[in-house]
Amino acid sequence: MEISDDNDETIFFYKDMKYSLHNFNYQLELLLEENNRLHSKLNLSNILLNIDDNTFINYIHNKLSVNKENIKIIDDYLLKNCNHEIIEDYIEGGVEDDMIKIKYCSKCEMSI
């Protein structure tokens, strides 16, 4: 069965959405790290962020969890719906280690 270009566009859309969620999570994690750094260094983070009950920090933790769950849903969708074009490649295993053979899809970029 030939998969239409519409399907490929959908796959690319979800792949890009997944990367956007990863990037957003990275930014949220940086914000949490900075908050922890300020809290341990100055013990003033709640005052600096103008929050008294950690509502903002709790929101960030919740958003990270929701985004991780959405990434899992996208991964499941990509694995089931992509007309995978498998590529075999090698990556470095370390300075003294052998190359590691990997397989991934050129469309959805999922490891297979």
Protein backbone atom coordinates (compact mmCIF):
# COMPACT_ATOMS: atom_id res chain seq x y z
CA MET A 1 0.00 0.00 0.00
CA GLU A 2 1.37 3.41 -0.96
CA ILE A 3 1.20 6.00 1.77
CA SER A 4 0.19 9.45 0.63
CA ASP A 5 2.21 12.62 0.98
CA ASP A 6 -0.41 13.73 3.50
CA ASN A 7 0.74 10.93 5.78
CA ASP A 8 4.37 12.04 5.40
CA GLU A 9 3.37 15.60 6.26
CA THR A 10 1.59 14.34 9.37
CA ILE A 11 4.66 12.32 10.37
CA PHE A 12 6.91 15.35 9.92
CA PHE A 13 4.47 17.50 11.88
CA TYR A 14 4.48 15.12 14.86
CA LYS A 15 8.25 14.66 14.65
CA ASP A 16 8.72 18.45 14.80
CA MET A 17 6.21 18.73 17.63
CA LYS A 18 8.16 16.11 19.56
CA TYR A 19 11.40 18.07 19.13
CA SER A 20 9.63 21.26 20.20
CA LEU A 21 8.41 19.56 23.35
CA HIS A 22 11.93 18.29 24.07
CA ASN A 23 13.30 21.81 23.63
CA PHE A 24 10.58 23.29 25.82
CA ASN A 25 11.29 20.71 28.53
CA TYR A 26 14.98 21.57 28.34
CA GLN A 27 14.18 25.24 28.94
CA LEU A 28 11.88 24.36 31.84
CA GLU A 29 14.59 22.19 33.39
CA LEU A 30 17.06 25.07 33.10
CA LEU A 31 14.58 27.31 34.88
CA LEU A 32 14.21 24.76 37.68
CA GLU A 33 17.98 24.42 37.98
CA GLU A 34 18.35 28.19 38.21
CA ASN A 35 15.65 28.34 40.85
CA ASN A 36 17.43 25.62 42.85
CA ARG A 37 20.75 27.42 42.46
CA LEU A 38 19.25 30.68 43.70
CA HIS A 39 17.44 28.92 46.52
CA SER A 40 20.56 27.17 47.78
CA LYS A 41 22.82 30.19 47.23
CA LEU A 42 20.60 32.96 48.52
CA ASN A 43 17.68 31.16 50.12
CA LEU A 44 15.56 33.86 48.48
CA SER A 45 14.20 32.21 45.36
CA ASN A 46 10.57 32.45 46.39
CA ILE A 47 10.94 36.15 47.12
CA LEU A 48 12.86 36.77 43.88
CA LEU A 49 10.20 34.98 41.85
CA ASN A 50 7.45 36.63 43.90
CA ILE A 51 5.86 33.34 44.85
CA ASP A 52 5.11 32.24 48.36
CA ASP A 53 3.69 28.77 47.91
CA ASN A 54 5.80 27.37 45.02
CA THR A 55 2.78 27.44 42.70
CA PHE A 56 4.98 28.43 39.79
CA ILE A 57 7.54 25.70 40.48
CA ASN A 58 4.77 23.12 40.86
CA TYR A 59 3.31 24.28 37.55
CA ILE A 60 6.68 23.74 35.85
CA HIS A 61 6.99 20.23 37.28
CA ASN A 62 3.46 19.45 36.11
CA LYS A 63 4.15 20.85 32.64
CA LEU A 64 7.28 18.69 32.36
CA SER A 65 5.24 15.59 33.23
CA VAL A 66 2.51 16.44 30.73
CA ASN A 67 5.08 17.11 27.99
CA LYS A 68 6.86 13.80 28.69
CA GLU A 69 3.55 11.96 28.43
CA ASN A 70 2.76 13.76 25.15
CA ILE A 71 6.18 12.77 23.80
CA LYS A 72 5.39 9.12 24.61
CA ILE A 73 2.06 9.43 22.78
CA ILE A 74 3.80 10.95 19.76
CA ASP A 75 6.45 8.20 19.81
CA ASP A 76 3.71 5.54 19.80
CA TYR A 77 1.96 7.29 16.93
CA LEU A 78 5.17 7.56 14.90
CA LEU A 79 6.09 3.93 15.45
CA LYS A 80 2.66 2.73 14.35
CA ASN A 81 1.89 5.14 11.50
CA CYS A 82 5.15 5.99 9.78
CA ASN A 83 6.07 4.17 6.58
CA HIS A 84 9.55 3.64 7.97
CA GLU A 85 12.59 3.96 5.75
CA ILE A 86 15.25 2.24 7.81
CA ILE A 87 18.82 3.48 7.69
CA GLU A 88 21.76 1.66 9.25
CA ASP A 89 24.55 3.85 10.54
CA TYR A 90 27.41 3.80 12.99
CA ILE A 91 28.14 6.09 15.90
CA GLU A 92 31.25 6.38 18.02
CA GLY A 93 31.20 4.20 21.10
CA GLY A 94 33.85 6.23 22.87
CA VAL A 95 37.52 7.00 22.51
CA GLU A 96 38.72 3.41 22.91
CA ASP A 97 35.50 1.59 22.02
CA ASP A 98 34.28 0.16 18.72
CA MET A 99 31.70 1.89 16.57
CA ILE A 100 28.10 1.09 17.50
CA LYS A 101 25.67 0.06 14.76
CA ILE A 102 22.30 1.82 14.95
CA LYS A 103 19.09 1.63 12.91
CA TYR A 104 16.65 4.50 12.59
CA CYS A 105 13.93 5.78 10.31
CA SER A 106 14.89 8.60 7.95
CA LYS A 107 11.33 10.00 8.13
CA CYS A 108 10.35 9.96 11.79
CA GLU A 109 13.92 9.58 13.12
CA MET A 110 12.85 6.94 15.62
CA SER A 111 15.41 4.30 16.60
CA ILE A 112 14.35 0.89 15.39
